[in-house]
C-alpha atoms as a PDB file:
ATOM      1  CA  MET A   1      14.035 -32.946 -24.467  1.00  0.00           C
ATOM      2  CA  LYS A   2      14.343 -31.727 -20.592  1.00  0.00           C
ATOM      3  CA  PRO A   3      13.811 -28.508 -19.024  1.00  0.00           C
ATOM      4  CA  GLN A   4      15.985 -25.573 -18.252  1.00  0.00           C
ATOM      5  CA  ARG A   5      17.198 -24.717 -14.792  1.00  0.00           C
ATOM      6  CA  ARG A   6      17.290 -21.764 -13.903  1.00  0.00           C
ATOM      7  CA  ASP A   7      19.920 -19.291 -14.587  1.00  0.00           C
ATOM      8  CA  THR A   8      19.523 -18.012 -11.628  1.00  0.00           C
ATOM      9  CA  GLY A   9      18.594 -19.356  -8.596  1.00  0.00           C
ATOM     10  CA  ARG A  10      16.604 -17.948  -5.848  1.00  0.00           C
ATOM     11  CA  ARG A  11      17.994 -15.984  -3.574  1.00  0.00           C
ATOM     12  CA  VAL A  12      16.748 -15.519   0.243  1.00  0.00           C
ATOM     13  CA  ASN A  13      17.475 -11.980   1.291  1.00  0.00           C
ATOM     14  CA  ALA A  14      16.274 -10.400   4.339  1.00  0.00           C
ATOM     15  CA  GLU A  15      14.039  -8.652   2.010  1.00  0.00           C
ATOM     16  CA  LEU A  16      12.021 -11.598   0.847  1.00  0.00           C
ATOM     17  CA  MET A  17      11.554 -12.228   4.067  1.00  0.00           C
ATOM     18  CA  THR A  18      10.419 -10.122   5.448  1.00  0.00           C
ATOM     19  CA  PHE A  19       7.608  -9.615   2.695  1.00  0.00           C
ATOM     20  CA  TYR A  20       6.861 -13.819   3.067  1.00  0.00           C
ATOM     21  CA  ILE A  21       6.583 -13.063   7.124  1.00  0.00           C
ATOM     22  CA  ARG A  22       4.239  -9.786   6.727  1.00  0.00           C
ATOM     23  CA  ARG A  23       2.405 -11.964   4.239  1.00  0.00           C
ATOM     24  CA  ALA A  24       1.842 -14.970   6.360  1.00  0.00           C
ATOM     25  CA  HIS A  25       0.786 -12.734   8.841  1.00  0.00           C
ATOM     26  CA  ALA A  26      -2.074 -10.652   6.735  1.00  0.00           C
ATOM     27  CA  LEU A  27      -3.445 -14.146   5.909  1.00  0.00           C
ATOM     28  CA  ARG A  28      -3.442 -15.513   8.912  1.00  0.00           C
ATOM     29  CA  ALA A  29      -5.487 -12.151  10.603  1.00  0.00           C
ATOM     30  CA  GLU A  30      -7.793 -12.412   7.475  1.00  0.00           C
ATOM     31  CA  ALA A  31      -8.604 -16.679   8.171  1.00  0.00           C
ATOM     32  CA  TYR A  32      -9.467 -15.335  12.389  1.00  0.00           C
ATOM     33  CA  ARG A  33     -11.534 -12.625  10.704  1.00  0.00           C
ATOM     34  CA  GLY A  34     -13.162 -14.785   8.636  1.00  0.00           C
ATOM     35  CA  ALA A  35     -13.762 -17.628  11.084  1.00  0.00           C
ATOM     36  CA  VAL A  36     -15.189 -15.124  13.715  1.00  0.00           C
ATOM     37  CA  ARG A  37     -16.819 -13.571  11.988  1.00  0.00           C
ATOM     38  CA  ALA A  38     -18.930 -16.982  10.704  1.00  0.00           C
ATOM     39  CA  LEU A  39     -18.678 -18.380  14.817  1.00  0.00           C
ATOM     40  CA  TRP A  40     -20.697 -14.607  15.302  1.00  0.00           C
ATOM     41  CA  ARG A  41     -22.648 -15.329  12.875  1.00  0.00           C
ATOM     42  CA  ALA A  42     -23.389 -18.715  13.815  1.00  0.00           C
ATOM     43  CA  VAL A  43     -23.765 -17.765  17.154  1.00  0.00           C
ATOM     44  CA  VAL A  44     -26.577 -14.640  16.267  1.00  0.00           C
ATOM     45  CA  ARG A  45     -28.536 -17.844  14.492  1.00  0.00           C
ATOM     46  CA  ILE A  46     -28.581 -19.875  17.584  1.00  0.00           C
ATOM     47  CA  ILE A  47     -29.945 -16.710  19.691  1.00  0.00           C
ATOM     48  CA  GLY A  48     -32.401 -15.880  16.599  1.00  0.00           C
ATOM     49  CA  ARG A  49     -34.493 -19.003  16.474  1.00  0.00           C
ATOM     50  CA  GLY A  50     -35.036 -19.005  20.578  1.00  0.00           C
END
């Protein structure tokens, strides 16, 4: 038996685009913060050994 298609298609509207743009911005900011923290930990570890 074949799976049936959805009755209602997903429509991209302004509200949905705004939601995904904000979500992408938040995820990107979180990734940058994580990368900076990891870099800082590495620098502290290297300097701490000296």
